[in-house]
C-alpha atoms as a PDB file:
ATOM      1  CA  UNK A   1     108.290 138.425-110.846  1.00  0.00           C
ATOM      2  CA  UNK A   2     107.547 137.983-114.457  1.00  0.00           C
ATOM      3  CA  UNK A   3     108.908 140.311-117.080  1.00  0.00           C
ATOM      4  CA  UNK A   4     105.681 142.319-116.968  1.00  0.00           C
ATOM      5  CA  UNK A   5     106.317 143.140-113.295  1.00  0.00           C
ATOM      6  CA  UNK A   6     103.283 141.221-112.078  1.00  0.00           C
ATOM      7  CA  UNK A   7     103.108 137.937-110.273  1.00  0.00           C
ATOM      8  CA  UNK A   8     101.491 134.801-111.661  1.00  0.00           C
ATOM      9  CA  UNK A   9      98.413 135.828-109.682  1.00  0.00           C
ATOM     10  CA  UNK A  10      98.196 139.055-111.758  1.00  0.00           C
ATOM     11  CA  UNK A  11      98.703 141.252-108.723  1.00  0.00           C
ATOM     12  CA  UNK A  12     101.492 143.765-108.180  1.00  0.00           C
ATOM     13  CA  UNK A  13     102.851 141.626-105.368  1.00  0.00           C
ATOM     14  CA  UNK A  14     105.399 138.880-105.317  1.00  0.00           C
ATOM     15  CA  UNK A  15     105.353 135.767-103.142  1.00  0.00           C
ATOM     16  CA  UNK A  16     107.580 132.807-102.429  1.00  0.00           C
ATOM     17  CA  UNK A  17     105.238 130.737-104.608  1.00  0.00           C
ATOM     18  CA  UNK A  18     106.026 133.071-107.503  1.00  0.00           C
ATOM     19  CA  UNK A  19     109.738 132.442-106.981  1.00  0.00           C
ATOM     20  CA  UNK A  20     109.220 128.752-107.619  1.00  0.00           C
ATOM     21  CA  UNK A  21     107.265 129.446-110.808  1.00  0.00           C
ATOM     22  CA  UNK A  22     109.068 132.397-112.377  1.00  0.00           C
ATOM     23  CA  UNK A  23     112.277 131.758-114.224  1.00  0.00           C
ATOM     24  CA  UNK A  24     113.654 134.456-116.464  1.00  0.00           C
ATOM     25  CA  UNK A  25     115.463 132.933-119.407  1.00  0.00           C
ATOM     26  CA  UNK A  26     118.783 134.612-120.091  1.00  0.00           C
ATOM     27  CA  UNK A  27     118.921 136.209-116.642  1.00  0.00           C
ATOM     28  CA  UNK A  28     122.706 135.934-116.367  1.00  0.00           C
ATOM     29  CA  UNK A  29     123.229 137.732-119.657  1.00  0.00           C
ATOM     30  CA  UNK A  30     120.825 140.507-118.663  1.00  0.00           C
ATOM     31  CA  UNK A  31     122.481 140.838-115.261  1.00  0.00           C
ATOM     32  CA  UNK A  32     125.955 141.040-116.808  1.00  0.00           C
ATOM     33  CA  UNK A  33     124.753 143.740-119.214  1.00  0.00           C
ATOM     34  CA  UNK A  34     123.357 145.797-116.317  1.00  0.00           C
ATOM     35  CA  UNK A  35     126.560 145.234-114.320  1.00  0.00           C
ATOM     36  CA  UNK A  36     128.680 146.420-117.248  1.00  0.00           C
ATOM     37  CA  UNK A  37     126.527 149.516-117.803  1.00  0.00           C
ATOM     38  CA  UNK A  38     126.890 150.295-114.094  1.00  0.00           C
ATOM     39  CA  UNK A  39     130.675 150.205-114.483  1.00  0.00           C
ATOM     40  CA  UNK A  40     131.190 147.132-112.294  1.00  0.00           C
ATOM     41  CA  UNK A  41     134.006 144.990-113.584  1.00  0.00           C
ATOM     42  CA  UNK A  42     133.167 141.914-111.540  1.00  0.00           C
ATOM     43  CA  UNK A  43     130.476 140.523-109.310  1.00  0.00           C
ATOM     44  CA  UNK A  44     127.567 138.170-109.536  1.00  0.00           C
ATOM     45  CA  UNK A  45     123.889 138.269-108.697  1.00  0.00           C
ATOM     46  CA  UNK A  46     124.709 136.091-105.683  1.00  0.00           C
ATOM     47  CA  UNK A  47     126.960 138.870-104.336  1.00  0.00           C
ATOM     48  CA  UNK A  48     123.877 141.109-104.211  1.00  0.00           C
ATOM     49  CA  UNK A  49     121.805 138.272-102.745  1.00  0.00           C
ATOM     50  CA  UNK A  50     124.392 137.641-100.006  1.00  0.00           C
ATOM     51  CA  UNK A  51     124.465 141.333 -99.126  1.00  0.00           C
ATOM     52  CA  UNK A  52     120.672 141.576 -98.961  1.00  0.00           C
ATOM     53  CA  UNK A  53     120.289 138.447 -96.826  1.00  0.00           C
ATOM     54  CA  UNK A  54     123.044 139.532 -94.435  1.00  0.00           C
ATOM     55  CA  UNK A  55     121.534 143.025 -94.163  1.00  0.00           C
ATOM     56  CA  UNK A  56     118.103 141.569 -93.325  1.00  0.00           C
ATOM     57  CA  UNK A  57     119.654 139.769 -90.397  1.00  0.00           C
ATOM     58  CA  UNK A  58     121.592 142.813 -89.151  1.00  0.00           C
ATOM     59  CA  UNK A  59     118.457 144.947 -89.553  1.00  0.00           C
ATOM     60  CA  UNK A  60     116.788 142.794 -86.910  1.00  0.00           C
ATOM     61  CA  UNK A  61     114.931 140.046 -88.756  1.00  0.00           C
ATOM     62  CA  UNK A  62     114.933 136.735 -86.924  1.00  0.00           C
ATOM     63  CA  UNK A  63     117.073 133.933 -88.333  1.00  0.00           C
ATOM     64  CA  UNK A  64     113.914 131.967 -89.232  1.00  0.00           C
ATOM     65  CA  UNK A  65     112.541 134.943 -91.179  1.00  0.00           C
ATOM     66  CA  UNK A  66     115.808 135.418 -93.056  1.00  0.00           C
ATOM     67  CA  UNK A  67     115.968 131.711 -93.776  1.00  0.00           C
ATOM     68  CA  UNK A  68     112.429 131.641 -95.207  1.00  0.00           C
ATOM     69  CA  UNK A  69     112.968 134.783 -97.308  1.00  0.00           C
ATOM     70  CA  UNK A  70     116.152 133.254 -98.712  1.00  0.00           C
ATOM     71  CA  UNK A  71     114.258 130.081 -99.575  1.00  0.00           C
ATOM     72  CA  UNK A  72     116.452 127.847 -97.447  1.00  0.00           C
ATOM     73  CA  UNK A  73     115.139 124.741 -95.721  1.00  0.00           C
ATOM     74  CA  UNK A  74     118.122 124.421 -93.374  1.00  0.00           C
ATOM     75  CA  UNK A  75     119.606 126.859 -90.872  1.00  0.00           C
ATOM     76  CA  UNK A  76     123.088 125.646 -91.756  1.00  0.00           C
ATOM     77  CA  UNK A  77     122.830 126.940 -95.331  1.00  0.00           C
ATOM     78  CA  UNK A  78     121.783 130.410 -94.213  1.00  0.00           C
ATOM     79  CA  UNK A  79     124.434 130.612 -91.521  1.00  0.00           C
ATOM     80  CA  UNK A  80     127.287 129.188 -93.571  1.00  0.00           C
ATOM     81  CA  UNK A  81     126.852 131.145 -96.783  1.00  0.00           C
ATOM     82  CA  UNK A  82     124.952 134.290 -95.925  1.00  0.00           C
ATOM     83  CA  UNK A  83     125.333 135.448 -92.353  1.00  0.00           C
ATOM     84  CA  UNK A  84     129.008 136.162 -92.463  1.00  0.00           C
ATOM     85  CA  UNK A  85     130.677 138.198 -89.779  1.00  0.00           C
ATOM     86  CA  UNK A  86     131.137 141.776 -90.908  1.00  0.00           C
ATOM     87  CA  UNK A  87     134.158 143.896 -90.002  1.00  0.00           C
ATOM     88  CA  UNK A  88     132.053 146.301 -87.918  1.00  0.00           C
ATOM     89  CA  UNK A  89     130.752 143.394 -85.844  1.00  0.00           C
ATOM     90  CA  UNK A  90     134.291 142.195 -85.207  1.00  0.00           C
ATOM     91  CA  UNK A  91     135.334 145.750 -84.230  1.00  0.00           C
ATOM     92  CA  UNK A  92     132.374 146.063 -81.849  1.00  0.00           C
ATOM     93  CA  UNK A  93     133.302 142.731 -80.266  1.00  0.00           C
ATOM     94  CA  UNK A  94     136.899 143.908 -79.766  1.00  0.00           C
ATOM     95  CA  UNK A  95     135.695 147.122 -78.145  1.00  0.00           C
ATOM     96  CA  UNK A  96     133.371 145.188 -75.844  1.00  0.00           C
ATOM     97  CA  UNK A  97     136.222 142.916 -74.757  1.00  0.00           C
ATOM     98  CA  UNK A  98     138.573 145.876 -74.194  1.00  0.00           C
ATOM     99  CA  UNK A  99     135.942 147.685 -72.173  1.00  0.00           C
ATOM    100  CA  UNK A 100     135.222 144.587 -70.097  1.00  0.00           C
ATOM    101  CA  UNK A 101     138.908 143.844 -69.486  1.00  0.00           C
ATOM    102  CA  UNK A 102     139.655 147.501 -68.628  1.00  0.00           C
ATOM    103  CA  UNK A 103     136.747 147.646 -66.173  1.00  0.00           C
ATOM    104  CA  UNK A 104     137.829 144.376 -64.576  1.00  0.00           C
ATOM    105  CA  UNK A 105     141.413 145.599 -64.209  1.00  0.00           C
ATOM    106  CA  UNK A 106     140.191 148.804 -62.555  1.00  0.00           C
ATOM    107  CA  UNK A 107     138.019 146.848 -60.133  1.00  0.00           C
ATOM    108  CA  UNK A 108     140.958 144.638 -59.150  1.00  0.00           C
ATOM    109  CA  UNK A 109     143.324 147.554 -58.918  1.00  0.00           C
ATOM    110  CA  UNK A 110     145.649 146.116 -61.543  1.00  0.00           C
ATOM    111  CA  UNK A 111     148.023 148.539 -63.195  1.00  0.00           C
ATOM    112  CA  UNK A 112     148.055 151.098 -60.389  1.00  0.00           C
END
């Protein structure tokens, strides 16, 4: 988006084409000022970007959709840098394994 909040096409929408054309000079300085006013001692715009991209994936968007929204041309980039494994996913995987192992042990009569 441009500073006026409108795209290059003068509509109140934003497109991937706009992203290639719209560069805000001094963005880092403006971001750091906002971050400071918010009371955040550290963090970058890419931290927010990573969170948003990861959340899109966990909200059910397909990997190709996430990849296109992120502006990546390769799956590897999206997977390596943005779709990290969250702690809740690891915990759910552990629970699934425990449940599976417990059920299997019961079926075999192990531990009786």
